[in-house]
Amino acid sequence: MAEDVAKNPESIDQTNDTVPAYSWYALSVLVVVYVLNFIDRQILSILANDIKADLGVDDAYLGFLYGTAFAIFYALFGIPLGKLADSWKRVRLMTLGLALWSAMTAASGFARDAGTLTVARIGVGVGEATASPSAYSLISDWFPARLRATALAIYSSGLYIGGGVSLAIGGLVVDQWNDAFPDGGPLDLAGWQAAFIAVGLPGLLLAVWVSTLREPVRGAIDGLTAPEDPHPFRGFVRELYTVIPGFTFFGAASRGAGALALNVVVFFAAFVVAYGLTEILGSGPGQILPMITDQWLLLAIGYYAVFCWATALRARDYPTFALTWGSPAFLCTILGYGTVAFMAYSASYWGAPYAERVFDVSKGELGFWLGGGGAAGGFLGVILGGRMADALFTRMPSGRIWVVLFGLLAPIPFAIVQYTTDNWTLFIFLNVVVGALAASALGAAAASSQALVLPRMRGTATATFFLATTLVGLALGPYTAGYVSAQNDGDLSIGVLSTLWITPIGLMLLIAAIRLVPAANASVLERATAAGEPAVSEG
């Protein structure tokens, strides 16, 4: 047993172990949280055209608002919050985050200009950054390895349910509000503002329910228990300082003159690249609220901060660095899935604005059919993909990665037809198909990333995983589609399909992952020990 654990912590799982009923109950609560997470996030899609008309913005800004403004702060705060999920009570962390993002969603309903809406959107991103690091770590302590991809897929189904429900709720609220108050309702709110408030306030009640969940013993299910961190917030503050430009120089200096010099070089290089992209492509919506709405400047800050965090992690916790940033298998897996997210986020966000412009349907009808179909397709895809990943994993070590590769390639021909057809029925049908096929990759990618690290590292690994999905997928995909659309007189068909250019990159990354992951999976504890990890208790 000890030898098997040393090679792979998943190996101690007993095939016939029964999962307690409480684990399934707790998972159901987390699914509800994730549903609300994506209602609050995705409702922007059905409201996009109204916001565009009322605030006088273009598609590039709408892509920025949904993607970059949210993604950068979601990713950066996900780093210290991932560390906090590794050291503090995960249930408490999720409760506080849920209350914050719900309040900021409601606050979006009171925005009167693009700048205020952007700030509220940033707040939603910070709050939502608590959810998945906490949830992934909790699920990995509630479910044995043989069911982890399935459990994570069930949790991830909240993404698609919430995304679909958001369109239905948003369309219904906007239509009814505008019918009842054609000249503006109470507090002179428009329909899109009322929709934000309607989905934001219930989250405050849900936070109370989440606070009642029991915290599991970290790592016990894998026989790799570790003592609780007596000072959990020290690590959080330290990580926070590593991602705030300015403070990052002091952190680098504490590691020596060479580290400081490298940090300064990367800082200036990032902003030189951002300046060049601004000169070539324009600043995006930067004229609305300079500094925090310049697409390329914000991305430069984001990528520089990630570099700072990774180098600080290498100095402070080399075993965790070695199993994440220092692992080609881990990087190829998460970046490969990031390319799936690049296309999937773009298609899911722009689907409603595209359909509203092309087809003669009301918001209510659009929300019902597009949202319902998207929820059904995404739910089936992520669940079946998770089961397929677990089944293939029992047959071959690279089985999960093959499912991620399937999720990258399979949706492409259907997406091309979907965004070029003028037939409403075919568009709705293909929305289900594309959503299901793309969703099949998520559970497999998430489980793969968790399997490549030790239990104490899962929160950090999740934060790193979401850096790829957000800084590659969410921060660039929707904006790219919106930018291309804005350059082509609002043609969202050209915009969405322009994101397919990333497919060859994803293909190369996932082929590499298929070759690298089996050996990495089989040597997790061995590699951690070689990197300096103390002996881990079994029991």
Protein backbone atom coordinates (compact mmCIF):
# COMPACT_ATOMS: atom_id res chain seq x y z
CA MET A 1 0.00 0.00 0.00
CA ALA A 2 2.69 2.50 0.97
CA GLU A 3 4.53 1.88 -2.29
CA ASP A 4 1.34 2.41 -4.32
CA VAL A 5 0.58 5.65 -2.49
CA ALA A 6 4.09 6.90 -3.12
CA LYS A 7 3.54 6.47 -6.81
CA ASN A 8 0.02 7.84 -6.99
CA PRO A 9 -2.29 9.01 -4.17
CA GLU A 10 -5.32 7.90 -6.19
CA SER A 11 -4.20 4.29 -5.92
CA ILE A 12 -5.43 3.85 -2.32
CA ASP A 13 -9.04 4.24 -3.41
CA GLN A 14 -11.10 1.12 -2.78
CA THR A 15 -13.36 0.16 -5.66
CA ASN A 16 -16.20 -0.98 -3.39
CA ASP A 17 -16.12 1.92 -0.93
CA THR A 18 -19.56 3.43 -0.43
CA VAL A 19 -19.85 7.20 -0.77
CA PRO A 20 -21.76 8.67 2.21
CA ALA A 21 -25.15 10.21 1.49
CA TYR A 22 -23.93 13.48 2.99
CA SER A 23 -21.33 13.77 0.23
CA TRP A 24 -24.07 13.69 -2.38
CA TYR A 25 -26.16 16.21 -0.40
CA ALA A 26 -23.20 18.56 -0.06
CA LEU A 27 -22.45 18.19 -3.76
CA SER A 28 -26.04 19.15 -4.58
CA VAL A 29 -25.65 22.35 -2.55
CA LEU A 30 -22.45 23.19 -4.42
CA VAL A 31 -24.26 22.62 -7.72
CA VAL A 32 -26.90 25.18 -6.68
CA VAL A 33 -24.10 27.63 -5.85
CA TYR A 34 -22.49 27.09 -9.23
CA VAL A 35 -25.84 27.48 -10.97
CA LEU A 36 -26.24 30.90 -9.35
CA ASN A 37 -22.60 31.65 -10.13
CA PHE A 38 -23.27 31.30 -13.83
CA ILE A 39 -26.68 32.93 -13.73
CA ASP A 40 -24.96 36.02 -12.36
CA ARG A 41 -22.15 35.70 -14.88
CA GLN A 42 -24.01 34.69 -18.05
CA ILE A 43 -27.09 36.90 -17.75
CA LEU A 44 -25.00 39.59 -19.40
CA SER A 45 -25.49 37.70 -22.69
CA ILE A 46 -29.26 38.22 -22.97
CA LEU A 47 -28.87 41.82 -21.77
CA ALA A 48 -26.00 42.72 -24.11
CA ASN A 49 -27.97 44.39 -26.89
CA ASP A 50 -30.00 46.48 -24.42
CA ILE A 51 -26.84 47.59 -22.62
CA LYS A 52 -25.29 48.44 -25.98
CA ALA A 53 -28.26 50.62 -26.90
CA ASP A 54 -28.66 52.34 -23.50
CA LEU A 55 -24.99 53.00 -22.74
CA GLY A 56 -23.82 53.67 -26.30
CA VAL A 57 -21.07 51.03 -26.38
CA ASP A 58 -19.93 48.62 -29.13
CA ASP A 59 -19.37 44.86 -29.39
CA ALA A 60 -15.72 45.18 -28.39
CA TYR A 61 -16.78 46.70 -25.06
CA LEU A 62 -19.44 44.03 -24.54
CA GLY A 63 -16.81 41.34 -25.11
CA PHE A 64 -14.46 43.16 -22.75
CA LEU A 65 -17.15 43.50 -20.06
CA TYR A 66 -18.08 39.82 -20.16
CA GLY A 67 -14.56 38.54 -20.71
CA THR A 68 -11.53 40.62 -19.78
CA ALA A 69 -12.94 42.86 -17.02
CA PHE A 70 -14.30 39.82 -15.23
CA ALA A 71 -11.53 37.37 -16.10
CA ILE A 72 -8.48 39.36 -15.02
CA PHE A 73 -9.74 40.00 -11.50
CA TYR A 74 -11.31 36.55 -11.26
CA ALA A 75 -7.98 34.98 -12.16
CA LEU A 76 -5.74 37.21 -10.06
CA PHE A 77 -7.82 36.99 -6.90
CA GLY A 78 -8.23 33.29 -7.57
CA ILE A 79 -4.52 32.93 -6.81
CA PRO A 80 -4.55 34.11 -3.16
CA LEU A 81 -8.04 32.72 -2.65
CA GLY A 82 -6.85 29.35 -3.95
CA LYS A 83 -4.11 29.49 -1.34
CA LEU A 84 -6.68 30.36 1.31
CA ALA A 85 -8.77 27.38 0.20
CA ASP A 86 -5.71 25.22 0.88
CA SER A 87 -5.26 26.56 4.42
CA TRP A 88 -8.60 27.88 5.78
CA LYS A 89 -12.18 26.63 6.10
CA ARG A 90 -13.41 26.21 2.54
CA VAL A 91 -17.09 26.39 3.46
CA ARG A 92 -16.61 29.77 5.13
CA LEU A 93 -14.63 31.07 2.18
CA MET A 94 -17.33 30.07 -0.29
CA THR A 95 -20.04 31.63 1.90
CA LEU A 96 -18.29 35.01 1.97
CA GLY A 97 -17.54 34.93 -1.75
CA LEU A 98 -21.14 34.07 -2.63
CA ALA A 99 -22.43 37.00 -0.59
CA LEU A 100 -19.95 39.36 -2.31
CA TRP A 101 -20.64 38.37 -5.92
CA SER A 102 -24.40 38.37 -5.34
CA ALA A 103 -24.26 41.88 -3.89
CA MET A 104 -22.15 43.12 -6.81
CA THR A 105 -24.52 41.55 -9.34
CA ALA A 106 -27.41 43.42 -7.74
CA ALA A 107 -25.27 46.58 -7.76
CA SER A 108 -24.88 46.17 -11.54
CA GLY A 109 -28.57 46.92 -11.78
CA PHE A 110 -28.00 50.45 -10.51
CA ALA A 111 -25.25 51.27 -13.02
CA ARG A 112 -25.95 54.35 -15.14
CA ASP A 113 -22.79 54.29 -17.26
CA ALA A 114 -20.25 51.84 -18.64
CA GLY A 115 -17.60 52.71 -16.05
CA THR A 116 -19.85 51.91 -13.08
CA LEU A 117 -21.00 48.69 -14.74
CA THR A 118 -17.37 47.70 -15.29
CA VAL A 119 -16.50 48.25 -11.62
CA ALA A 120 -19.49 46.14 -10.54
CA ARG A 121 -18.44 43.43 -12.98
CA ILE A 122 -14.96 43.43 -11.45
CA GLY A 123 -16.54 42.92 -8.04
CA VAL A 124 -18.47 39.92 -9.36
CA GLY A 125 -15.20 38.47 -10.62
CA VAL A 126 -13.48 38.87 -7.25
CA GLY A 127 -16.38 37.21 -5.40
CA GLU A 128 -16.72 34.32 -7.83
CA ALA A 129 -13.00 33.60 -7.52
CA THR A 130 -13.75 31.92 -4.17
CA ALA A 131 -16.15 29.34 -5.57
CA SER A 132 -14.26 26.77 -7.61
CA PRO A 133 -11.00 26.56 -5.60
CA SER A 134 -13.14 25.84 -2.54
CA ALA A 135 -15.54 23.53 -4.34
CA TYR A 136 -12.90 21.49 -6.18
CA SER A 137 -10.99 20.96 -2.94
CA LEU A 138 -14.15 20.01 -1.01
CA ILE A 139 -15.31 17.58 -3.69
CA SER A 140 -11.90 15.92 -3.75
CA ASP A 141 -12.29 15.32 0.01
CA TRP A 142 -15.90 14.09 -0.25
CA PHE A 143 -15.45 11.65 -3.15
CA PRO A 144 -12.92 8.86 -3.83
CA ALA A 145 -10.67 9.06 -6.88
CA ARG A 146 -12.75 6.60 -8.89
CA LEU A 147 -15.72 9.02 -8.82
CA ARG A 148 -13.93 12.36 -8.86
CA ALA A 149 -14.37 13.16 -12.56
CA THR A 150 -18.06 12.30 -12.24
CA ALA A 151 -18.50 14.42 -9.10
CA LEU A 152 -16.62 17.34 -10.62
CA ALA A 153 -18.67 16.98 -13.80
CA ILE A 154 -21.90 17.07 -11.76
CA TYR A 155 -20.64 20.21 -10.02
CA SER A 156 -19.61 21.68 -13.36
CA SER A 157 -23.10 21.05 -14.75
CA GLY A 158 -24.10 24.11 -12.75
CA LEU A 159 -22.18 26.13 -15.33
CA TYR A 160 -24.51 25.04 -18.11
CA ILE A 161 -27.70 24.99 -16.08
CA GLY A 162 -26.96 28.46 -14.76
CA GLY A 163 -25.95 29.74 -18.17
CA GLY A 164 -29.20 28.48 -19.69
CA VAL A 165 -31.45 29.59 -16.85
CA SER A 166 -29.87 33.05 -16.93
CA LEU A 167 -31.08 33.58 -20.50
CA ALA A 168 -34.59 32.46 -19.65
CA ILE A 169 -34.77 34.59 -16.49
CA GLY A 170 -33.15 37.59 -18.13
CA GLY A 171 -35.40 37.49 -21.18
CA LEU A 172 -38.53 37.08 -19.05
CA VAL A 173 -37.64 39.90 -16.62
CA VAL A 174 -36.67 42.33 -19.38
CA ASP A 175 -39.80 41.70 -21.46
CA GLN A 176 -42.19 41.93 -18.51
CA TRP A 177 -40.46 44.95 -16.97
CA ASN A 178 -40.39 46.88 -20.22
CA ASP A 179 -44.03 45.99 -20.94
CA ALA A 180 -45.08 47.16 -17.48
CA PHE A 181 -42.84 50.23 -17.41
CA PRO A 182 -42.19 51.38 -21.00
CA ASP A 183 -40.89 54.76 -19.79
CA GLY A 184 -38.80 53.39 -16.93
CA GLY A 185 -39.90 51.67 -13.72
CA PRO A 186 -39.23 52.37 -10.04
CA LEU A 187 -35.99 54.29 -9.53
CA ASP A 188 -36.07 54.86 -13.31
CA LEU A 189 -34.65 51.38 -13.90
CA ALA A 190 -34.64 49.79 -17.34
CA GLY A 191 -35.46 46.11 -17.90
CA TRP A 192 -31.82 45.03 -18.07
CA GLN A 193 -31.13 46.73 -14.74
CA ALA A 194 -34.09 45.00 -13.09
CA ALA A 195 -32.78 41.67 -14.36
CA PHE A 196 -29.43 42.14 -12.62
CA ILE A 197 -31.16 42.92 -9.34
CA ALA A 198 -33.55 39.96 -9.70
CA VAL A 199 -30.75 37.41 -9.97
CA GLY A 200 -28.37 39.06 -7.51
CA LEU A 201 -30.46 39.28 -4.35
CA PRO A 202 -31.31 35.53 -3.96
CA GLY A 203 -27.62 34.77 -3.60
CA LEU A 204 -27.56 36.48 -0.21
CA LEU A 205 -30.09 33.91 1.07
CA LEU A 206 -28.21 31.03 -0.53
CA ALA A 207 -25.06 32.09 1.34
CA VAL A 208 -26.83 31.31 4.62
CA TRP A 209 -27.58 27.75 3.42
CA VAL A 210 -23.99 27.19 2.29
CA SER A 211 -22.69 28.22 5.71
CA THR A 212 -24.39 25.14 7.24
CA LEU A 213 -22.24 22.61 5.31
CA ARG A 214 -19.74 20.51 7.29
CA GLU A 215 -16.04 20.90 6.54
CA PRO A 216 -14.42 17.53 5.62
CA VAL A 217 -10.99 16.47 6.88
CA ARG A 218 -8.51 17.54 4.24
CA GLY A 219 -6.89 14.59 2.45
CA ALA A 220 -8.44 11.90 4.67
CA ILE A 221 -10.17 10.11 1.81
CA ASP A 222 -6.79 9.62 0.11
CA GLY A 223 -4.99 8.60 3.30
CA LEU A 224 -2.84 11.73 3.05
CA THR A 225 -4.01 13.84 5.98
CA ALA A 226 -2.08 16.94 6.97
CA PRO A 227 -2.34 19.16 10.06
CA GLU A 228 -4.39 22.36 9.83
CA ASP A 229 -2.50 25.55 9.12
CA PRO A 230 -2.43 27.53 12.39
CA HIS A 231 -2.07 30.82 10.50
CA PRO A 232 -4.16 30.42 7.32
CA PHE A 233 -4.37 34.12 6.46
CA ARG A 234 -0.63 34.67 6.41
CA GLY A 235 -0.35 32.70 3.22
CA PHE A 236 -3.34 34.53 1.73
CA VAL A 237 -1.84 37.97 2.42
CA ARG A 238 1.54 36.84 1.13
CA GLU A 239 -0.04 35.57 -2.07
CA LEU A 240 -2.09 38.75 -2.42
CA TYR A 241 1.06 40.82 -2.30
CA THR A 242 2.64 38.73 -5.02
CA VAL A 243 -0.03 39.74 -7.54
CA ILE A 244 -0.32 43.49 -6.79
CA PRO A 245 2.00 45.46 -9.12
CA GLY A 246 4.32 47.59 -7.03
CA PHE A 247 4.38 45.25 -4.08
CA THR A 248 5.66 42.63 -6.50
CA PHE A 249 9.01 44.46 -6.72
CA PHE A 250 9.53 44.13 -2.95
CA GLY A 251 8.70 40.46 -3.11
CA ALA A 252 11.18 39.93 -5.92
CA ALA A 253 13.86 41.94 -4.11
CA SER A 254 13.50 39.71 -1.05
CA ARG A 255 14.63 36.80 -3.23
CA GLY A 256 17.77 38.55 -4.43
CA ALA A 257 19.06 41.02 -7.01
CA GLY A 258 18.72 38.53 -9.87
CA ALA A 259 15.06 37.90 -9.08
CA LEU A 260 14.39 41.65 -8.92
CA ALA A 261 16.13 42.28 -12.24
CA LEU A 262 14.12 39.55 -13.95
CA ASN A 263 10.91 40.90 -12.46
CA VAL A 264 11.59 44.42 -13.73
CA VAL A 265 12.43 43.12 -17.20
CA VAL A 266 9.18 41.14 -17.39
CA PHE A 267 7.23 44.14 -16.08
CA PHE A 268 8.49 46.46 -18.80
CA ALA A 269 8.27 43.78 -21.48
CA ALA A 270 4.60 43.16 -20.66
CA PHE A 271 3.75 46.84 -20.98
CA VAL A 272 5.80 47.27 -24.16
CA VAL A 273 3.79 44.45 -25.73
CA ALA A 274 0.56 46.02 -24.44
CA TYR A 275 1.55 49.38 -25.94
CA GLY A 276 2.34 47.74 -29.27
CA LEU A 277 -1.02 45.93 -29.35
CA THR A 278 -2.80 49.17 -28.48
CA GLU A 279 -1.06 50.95 -31.33
CA ILE A 280 -1.90 48.18 -33.80
CA LEU A 281 -5.38 47.15 -32.66
CA GLY A 282 -6.58 50.08 -30.55
CA SER A 283 -7.15 50.23 -26.81
CA GLY A 284 -10.56 48.57 -26.84
CA PRO A 285 -12.96 50.38 -24.53
CA GLY A 286 -10.19 52.24 -22.68
CA GLN A 287 -11.75 55.60 -23.43
CA ILE A 288 -14.69 54.69 -21.16
CA LEU A 289 -12.70 54.33 -17.96
CA PRO A 290 -8.94 54.51 -18.60
CA MET A 291 -6.58 52.12 -16.82
CA ILE A 292 -9.18 49.47 -15.91
CA THR A 293 -10.91 49.27 -19.28
CA ASP A 294 -7.93 49.21 -21.60
CA GLN A 295 -7.97 45.66 -22.98
CA TRP A 296 -4.24 45.27 -23.52
CA LEU A 297 -3.08 47.16 -20.45
CA LEU A 298 -5.33 45.05 -18.26
CA LEU A 299 -4.07 41.87 -19.88
CA ALA A 300 -0.47 43.03 -19.36
CA ILE A 301 -1.18 43.54 -15.66
CA GLY A 302 -2.78 40.11 -15.49
CA TYR A 303 0.02 38.19 -17.18
CA TYR A 304 2.71 40.06 -15.29
CA ALA A 305 0.99 39.33 -11.97
CA VAL A 306 0.76 35.64 -12.85
CA PHE A 307 4.50 35.59 -13.57
CA CYS A 308 5.17 37.24 -10.20
CA TRP A 309 3.00 34.72 -8.40
CA ALA A 310 4.57 31.73 -10.12
CA THR A 311 8.12 32.86 -9.34
CA ALA A 312 7.18 33.59 -5.71
CA LEU A 313 5.54 30.17 -5.44
CA ARG A 314 8.73 28.58 -6.73
CA ALA A 315 10.73 30.22 -3.97
CA ARG A 316 8.27 29.58 -1.11
CA ASP A 317 6.66 26.26 -1.94
CA TYR A 318 8.79 24.47 -4.46
CA PRO A 319 6.91 21.14 -4.26
CA THR A 320 3.66 22.82 -5.30
CA PHE A 321 5.46 24.74 -8.04
CA ALA A 322 7.12 21.56 -9.27
CA LEU A 323 3.79 19.73 -9.59
CA THR A 324 2.02 22.64 -11.31
CA TRP A 325 4.10 25.24 -13.15
CA GLY A 326 7.09 22.92 -13.26
CA SER A 327 5.11 20.03 -14.71
CA PRO A 328 4.79 19.90 -18.52
CA ALA A 329 1.93 17.40 -18.12
CA PHE A 330 -0.02 19.81 -15.90
CA LEU A 331 0.63 22.82 -18.14
CA CYS A 332 -0.31 21.03 -21.36
CA THR A 333 -3.53 19.80 -19.74
CA ILE A 334 -4.73 23.15 -18.43
CA LEU A 335 -3.63 25.18 -21.46
CA GLY A 336 -5.15 22.60 -23.77
CA TYR A 337 -8.46 23.02 -22.00
CA GLY A 338 -7.95 26.79 -22.10
CA THR A 339 -8.19 26.63 -25.90
CA VAL A 340 -11.50 24.75 -25.58
CA ALA A 341 -12.71 27.54 -23.28
CA PHE A 342 -11.50 30.20 -25.74
CA MET A 343 -14.04 29.05 -28.32
CA ALA A 344 -16.74 27.85 -25.92
CA TYR A 345 -16.98 31.10 -23.93
CA SER A 346 -17.21 33.10 -27.13
CA ALA A 347 -19.98 30.96 -28.62
CA SER A 348 -22.00 30.78 -25.41
CA TYR A 349 -21.82 34.52 -24.70
CA TRP A 350 -22.48 35.80 -28.21
CA GLY A 351 -25.22 33.26 -29.01
CA ALA A 352 -28.05 35.38 -27.61
CA PRO A 353 -26.94 38.75 -29.09
CA TYR A 354 -26.35 37.04 -32.46
CA ALA A 355 -29.77 35.35 -32.49
CA GLU A 356 -31.52 38.55 -31.43
CA ARG A 357 -29.98 40.42 -34.36
CA VAL A 358 -30.51 37.70 -36.97
CA PHE A 359 -33.88 36.16 -36.04
CA ASP A 360 -37.19 37.89 -35.42
CA VAL A 361 -37.87 36.60 -31.89
CA SER A 362 -38.65 38.24 -28.55
CA LYS A 363 -36.24 38.14 -25.63
CA GLY A 364 -38.59 35.83 -23.75
CA GLU A 365 -38.74 33.33 -26.60
CA LEU A 366 -35.02 33.65 -27.22
CA GLY A 367 -34.21 33.09 -23.56
CA PHE A 368 -36.50 30.07 -23.32
CA TRP A 369 -35.27 28.19 -26.37
CA LEU A 370 -31.64 29.26 -26.38
CA GLY A 371 -31.28 29.09 -22.62
CA GLY A 372 -33.20 25.85 -22.21
CA GLY A 373 -31.37 24.17 -25.07
CA GLY A 374 -28.01 25.40 -23.85
CA ALA A 375 -28.70 24.16 -20.32
CA ALA A 376 -29.86 20.75 -21.54
CA GLY A 377 -26.97 20.33 -23.95
CA GLY A 378 -24.35 21.51 -21.50
CA PHE A 379 -25.73 19.38 -18.67
CA LEU A 380 -25.82 16.21 -20.76
CA GLY A 381 -22.42 16.92 -22.25
CA VAL A 382 -20.62 17.55 -18.98
CA ILE A 383 -22.21 14.57 -17.20
CA LEU A 384 -21.65 12.12 -20.06
CA GLY A 385 -18.17 13.53 -20.62
CA GLY A 386 -17.34 13.01 -16.95
CA ARG A 387 -18.59 9.42 -17.02
CA MET A 388 -16.70 8.76 -20.24
CA ALA A 389 -13.55 10.23 -18.68
CA ASP A 390 -13.85 7.99 -15.61
CA ALA A 391 -14.52 4.93 -17.77
CA LEU A 392 -11.57 5.60 -20.07
CA PHE A 393 -9.30 6.39 -17.11
CA THR A 394 -9.85 2.87 -15.76
CA ARG A 395 -8.71 1.47 -19.12
CA MET A 396 -5.78 3.74 -19.95
CA PRO A 397 -3.92 6.42 -17.96
CA SER A 398 -4.44 9.06 -20.67
CA GLY A 399 -8.19 8.37 -20.97
CA ARG A 400 -9.32 11.68 -19.50
CA ILE A 401 -7.16 13.70 -21.88
CA TRP A 402 -8.72 11.96 -24.88
CA VAL A 403 -12.09 13.29 -23.70
CA VAL A 404 -10.66 16.84 -23.53
CA LEU A 405 -9.37 16.43 -27.10
CA PHE A 406 -12.81 15.28 -28.18
CA GLY A 407 -14.33 18.41 -26.60
CA LEU A 408 -11.92 20.57 -28.59
CA LEU A 409 -12.53 19.11 -32.05
CA ALA A 410 -16.06 17.71 -32.10
CA PRO A 411 -18.01 21.01 -31.83
CA ILE A 412 -16.23 22.79 -34.70
CA PRO A 413 -18.22 21.66 -37.79
CA PHE A 414 -21.52 22.16 -35.97
CA ALA A 415 -20.50 25.66 -34.77
CA ILE A 416 -19.64 26.69 -38.32
CA VAL A 417 -23.13 25.75 -39.51
CA GLN A 418 -24.78 27.30 -36.43
CA TYR A 419 -23.25 30.72 -36.97
CA THR A 420 -23.93 30.83 -40.70
CA THR A 421 -27.50 29.51 -40.90
CA ASP A 422 -30.54 31.77 -41.24
CA ASN A 423 -32.87 29.03 -39.98
CA TRP A 424 -34.03 29.64 -36.39
CA THR A 425 -34.91 25.99 -35.69
CA LEU A 426 -31.56 24.74 -36.95
CA PHE A 427 -29.74 27.39 -34.93
CA ILE A 428 -31.47 26.27 -31.71
CA PHE A 429 -30.82 22.57 -32.44
CA LEU A 430 -27.14 23.19 -33.14
CA ASN A 431 -26.88 25.27 -29.98
CA VAL A 432 -27.71 22.11 -28.02
CA VAL A 433 -25.23 20.01 -30.00
CA VAL A 434 -22.34 22.47 -29.78
CA GLY A 435 -22.95 23.06 -26.08
CA ALA A 436 -23.01 19.34 -25.30
CA LEU A 437 -19.86 18.54 -27.25
CA ALA A 438 -17.83 21.41 -25.83
CA ALA A 439 -19.03 20.69 -22.28
CA SER A 440 -17.78 17.10 -22.43
CA ALA A 441 -14.20 18.27 -21.83
CA LEU A 442 -14.63 20.09 -18.52
CA GLY A 443 -14.96 17.27 -16.00
CA ALA A 444 -12.09 15.38 -17.60
CA ALA A 445 -9.79 18.41 -17.55
CA ALA A 446 -10.68 19.31 -13.96
CA ALA A 447 -10.14 15.76 -12.67
CA SER A 448 -6.83 15.51 -14.55
CA SER A 449 -5.52 18.68 -12.93
CA GLN A 450 -6.52 17.49 -9.45
CA ALA A 451 -4.90 14.07 -9.97
CA LEU A 452 -1.53 15.65 -10.79
CA VAL A 453 -1.03 17.24 -7.33
CA LEU A 454 -1.17 16.31 -3.63
CA PRO A 455 -4.34 16.99 -1.57
CA ARG A 456 -2.84 20.03 0.15
CA MET A 457 -2.14 21.56 -3.26
CA ARG A 458 -5.61 21.16 -4.76
CA GLY A 459 -6.82 24.69 -4.11
CA THR A 460 -3.70 26.16 -5.70
CA ALA A 461 -3.93 23.69 -8.59
CA THR A 462 -7.55 24.72 -9.15
CA ALA A 463 -6.60 28.40 -9.16
CA THR A 464 -3.88 27.61 -11.72
CA PHE A 465 -6.34 25.59 -13.81
CA PHE A 466 -8.71 28.55 -13.84
CA LEU A 467 -5.90 30.88 -14.84
CA ALA A 468 -5.83 28.99 -18.13
CA THR A 469 -9.59 28.98 -18.58
CA THR A 470 -9.87 32.68 -17.75
CA LEU A 471 -6.69 34.32 -19.05
CA VAL A 472 -6.67 32.25 -22.23
CA GLY A 473 -10.36 31.45 -22.68
CA LEU A 474 -12.52 34.09 -21.02
CA ALA A 475 -10.21 37.11 -21.25
CA LEU A 476 -9.44 36.65 -24.95
CA GLY A 477 -12.20 34.61 -26.61
CA PRO A 478 -15.29 36.84 -26.16
CA TYR A 479 -13.25 40.01 -26.70
CA THR A 480 -11.71 38.63 -29.89
CA ALA A 481 -15.16 37.83 -31.28
CA GLY A 482 -16.50 41.24 -30.25
CA TYR A 483 -13.50 43.08 -31.66
CA VAL A 484 -13.72 41.30 -35.01
CA SER A 485 -17.47 41.94 -35.08
CA ALA A 486 -16.97 45.65 -34.36
CA GLN A 487 -14.48 45.83 -37.24
CA ASN A 488 -17.04 44.21 -39.55
CA ASP A 489 -20.13 46.36 -38.88
CA GLY A 490 -21.43 44.21 -36.05
CA ASP A 491 -21.23 40.89 -37.92
CA LEU A 492 -21.15 38.42 -35.04
CA SER A 493 -20.98 35.44 -37.39
CA ILE A 494 -17.52 36.51 -38.53
CA GLY A 495 -16.64 37.44 -34.95
CA VAL A 496 -17.52 34.12 -33.32
CA LEU A 497 -16.03 31.97 -36.09
CA SER A 498 -12.79 33.97 -35.97
CA THR A 499 -12.01 32.25 -32.65
CA LEU A 500 -11.48 28.90 -34.42
CA TRP A 501 -7.91 29.91 -35.26
CA ILE A 502 -6.80 28.60 -31.86
CA THR A 503 -7.70 24.97 -32.66
CA PRO A 504 -4.23 23.85 -33.93
CA ILE A 505 -2.61 25.19 -30.75
CA GLY A 506 -5.02 23.23 -28.58
CA LEU A 507 -4.47 20.11 -30.65
CA MET A 508 -0.70 20.23 -30.16
CA LEU A 509 -1.03 20.84 -26.40
CA LEU A 510 -3.43 17.95 -25.86
CA ILE A 511 -1.43 15.50 -27.95
CA ALA A 512 1.54 16.37 -25.74
CA ALA A 513 -0.63 15.88 -22.63
CA ILE A 514 -1.70 12.42 -23.81
CA ARG A 515 1.96 11.43 -23.88
CA LEU A 516 3.00 13.13 -20.62
CA VAL A 517 0.09 12.66 -18.18
CA PRO A 518 0.34 8.87 -17.55
CA ALA A 519 3.89 9.05 -16.19
CA ALA A 520 3.13 12.21 -14.22
CA ASN A 521 0.02 10.62 -12.68
CA ALA A 522 1.99 7.58 -11.58
CA SER A 523 4.67 9.59 -9.78
CA VAL A 524 2.88 12.40 -7.95
CA LEU A 525 4.19 11.73 -4.45
CA GLU A 526 7.56 10.60 -5.75
CA ARG A 527 8.05 13.89 -7.63
CA ALA A 528 6.75 15.92 -4.69
CA THR A 529 9.20 14.20 -2.35
CA ALA A 530 12.04 14.83 -4.78
CA ALA A 531 11.06 18.51 -4.80
CA GLY A 532 11.28 18.68 -1.00
CA GLU A 533 7.81 17.71 0.22
CA PRO A 534 7.91 16.40 3.83
CA ALA A 535 6.77 12.84 4.47
CA VAL A 536 2.98 12.59 4.34
CA SER A 537 0.93 10.72 6.93
CA GLU A 538 -1.08 7.73 5.70
CA GLY A 539 -4.29 7.33 7.64
